């Protein structure tokens, strides 16, 4: 039920798969983000842009 709602209401038109949802967390945990501070990263298919 929630999956269908998300797929029809998220601007990208689909729900993220596991790899897409995990990628930002892996980036933040890795060495590529050592100079980042206080950033918010929305992983919501554009929903917060509405």
N, C-alpha and C. Protein backbone atom coordinates (compact mmCIF):
# COMPACT_ATOMS: atom_id res chain seq x y z
N UNK A 1 0.82 -1.18 0.00
CA UNK A 1 0.00 0.00 0.00
C UNK A 1 0.87 1.26 0.00
N UNK A 2 1.82 1.36 0.91
CA UNK A 2 2.71 2.52 0.96
C UNK A 2 3.57 2.59 -0.30
N UNK A 3 4.01 1.44 -0.77
CA UNK A 3 4.84 1.40 -1.98
C UNK A 3 4.09 1.98 -3.17
N UNK A 4 2.83 1.65 -3.33
CA UNK A 4 2.03 2.17 -4.44
C UNK A 4 1.83 3.68 -4.29
N UNK A 5 1.58 4.15 -3.06
CA UNK A 5 1.41 5.59 -2.84
C UNK A 5 2.69 6.33 -3.21
N UNK A 6 3.82 5.82 -2.74
CA UNK A 6 5.09 6.49 -3.02
C UNK A 6 5.38 6.51 -4.51
N UNK A 7 5.16 5.41 -5.18
CA UNK A 7 5.44 5.35 -6.61
C UNK A 7 4.58 6.33 -7.39
N UNK A 8 3.37 6.58 -6.95
CA UNK A 8 2.49 7.48 -7.69
C UNK A 8 2.62 8.93 -7.25
N UNK A 9 3.26 9.21 -6.12
CA UNK A 9 3.36 10.58 -5.61
C UNK A 9 4.76 11.17 -5.61
N UNK A 10 5.76 10.36 -5.76
CA UNK A 10 7.14 10.84 -5.81
C UNK A 10 7.41 11.35 -7.22
N UNK A 11 8.02 12.54 -7.37
CA UNK A 11 8.27 13.09 -8.70
C UNK A 11 9.01 12.15 -9.65
N UNK A 12 9.89 11.31 -9.15
CA UNK A 12 10.60 10.38 -10.03
C UNK A 12 9.71 9.23 -10.48
N UNK A 13 8.55 9.07 -9.86
CA UNK A 13 7.59 8.07 -10.29
C UNK A 13 7.88 6.65 -9.87
N UNK A 14 8.80 6.48 -8.96
CA UNK A 14 9.15 5.14 -8.49
C UNK A 14 9.80 5.24 -7.12
N UNK A 15 9.89 4.12 -6.46
CA UNK A 15 10.55 4.03 -5.16
C UNK A 15 12.01 3.65 -5.39
N UNK A 16 12.91 4.19 -4.59
CA UNK A 16 14.33 3.87 -4.72
C UNK A 16 14.59 2.40 -4.41
N UNK A 17 15.58 1.85 -5.09
CA UNK A 17 15.99 0.50 -4.71
C UNK A 17 17.02 0.61 -3.59
N UNK A 18 17.40 -0.50 -3.03
CA UNK A 18 18.29 -0.52 -1.87
C UNK A 18 19.62 0.17 -2.16
N UNK A 19 20.20 -0.07 -3.31
CA UNK A 19 21.49 0.54 -3.64
C UNK A 19 21.38 2.06 -3.72
N UNK A 20 20.29 2.57 -4.28
CA UNK A 20 20.09 4.02 -4.37
C UNK A 20 19.92 4.64 -2.98
N UNK A 21 19.22 3.96 -2.11
CA UNK A 21 19.00 4.47 -0.77
C UNK A 21 20.28 4.40 0.07
N UNK A 22 21.11 3.41 -0.16
CA UNK A 22 22.33 3.24 0.64
C UNK A 22 23.49 4.11 0.16
N UNK A 23 23.51 4.50 -1.10
CA UNK A 23 24.64 5.23 -1.66
C UNK A 23 25.01 6.50 -0.89
N UNK A 24 24.07 7.36 -0.51
CA UNK A 24 24.45 8.55 0.25
C UNK A 24 25.08 8.21 1.61
N UNK A 25 24.57 7.19 2.28
CA UNK A 25 25.14 6.79 3.57
C UNK A 25 26.56 6.26 3.39
N UNK A 26 26.77 5.49 2.34
CA UNK A 26 28.11 4.98 2.07
C UNK A 26 29.07 6.12 1.73
N UNK A 27 28.59 7.10 0.99
CA UNK A 27 29.41 8.27 0.68
C UNK A 27 29.80 9.00 1.96
N UNK A 28 28.83 9.25 2.84
CA UNK A 28 29.11 9.97 4.08
C UNK A 28 30.04 9.19 5.00
N UNK A 29 29.99 7.88 4.94
CA UNK A 29 30.85 7.05 5.77
C UNK A 29 32.26 6.90 5.20
N UNK A 30 32.44 7.27 3.94
CA UNK A 30 33.73 7.10 3.29
C UNK A 30 34.60 8.34 3.34
N UNK A 31 35.74 8.23 2.71
CA UNK A 31 36.72 9.31 2.72
C UNK A 31 36.35 10.47 1.80
N UNK A 32 35.38 10.28 0.92
CA UNK A 32 34.97 11.35 0.01
C UNK A 32 34.22 12.48 0.67
N UNK A 33 33.80 12.29 1.91
CA UNK A 33 33.01 13.32 2.58
C UNK A 33 33.74 13.94 3.77
N UNK A 34 35.05 13.83 3.82
CA UNK A 34 35.78 14.29 5.00
C UNK A 34 35.69 15.79 5.22
N UNK A 35 35.37 16.58 4.20
CA UNK A 35 35.29 18.03 4.36
C UNK A 35 33.86 18.52 4.45
N UNK A 36 32.91 17.62 4.51
CA UNK A 36 31.50 18.01 4.62
C UNK A 36 31.12 18.21 6.08
N UNK A 37 30.36 19.28 6.32
CA UNK A 37 29.82 19.51 7.66
C UNK A 37 28.42 20.09 7.53
N UNK A 38 27.50 19.59 8.31
CA UNK A 38 26.17 20.16 8.42
C UNK A 38 25.30 20.11 7.18
N UNK A 39 25.52 19.19 6.29
CA UNK A 39 24.71 19.10 5.08
C UNK A 39 23.53 18.17 5.29
N UNK A 40 22.42 18.51 4.68
CA UNK A 40 21.26 17.62 4.66
C UNK A 40 21.16 17.02 3.27
N UNK A 41 21.03 15.72 3.21
CA UNK A 41 20.92 15.03 1.93
C UNK A 41 19.59 14.30 1.92
N UNK A 42 18.67 14.79 1.12
CA UNK A 42 17.36 14.14 1.00
C UNK A 42 17.43 13.03 -0.04
N UNK A 43 17.04 11.85 0.35
CA UNK A 43 17.01 10.71 -0.56
C UNK A 43 15.54 10.32 -0.68
N UNK A 44 14.80 11.12 -1.44
CA UNK A 44 13.34 10.96 -1.48
C UNK A 44 12.74 11.10 -2.87
N UNK A 45 13.56 10.98 -3.90
CA UNK A 45 13.04 11.03 -5.26
C UNK A 45 12.46 12.38 -5.65
N UNK A 46 12.83 13.43 -4.95
CA UNK A 46 12.35 14.77 -5.26
C UNK A 46 11.12 15.21 -4.47
N UNK A 47 10.65 14.39 -3.56
CA UNK A 47 9.43 14.69 -2.81
C UNK A 47 9.54 15.99 -2.02
N UNK A 48 10.69 16.28 -1.43
CA UNK A 48 10.84 17.50 -0.64
C UNK A 48 10.90 18.75 -1.50
N UNK A 49 11.04 18.61 -2.80
CA UNK A 49 11.09 19.77 -3.69
C UNK A 49 9.70 20.27 -4.07
N UNK A 50 8.68 19.52 -3.72
CA UNK A 50 7.31 19.93 -4.07
C UNK A 50 6.82 21.02 -3.18
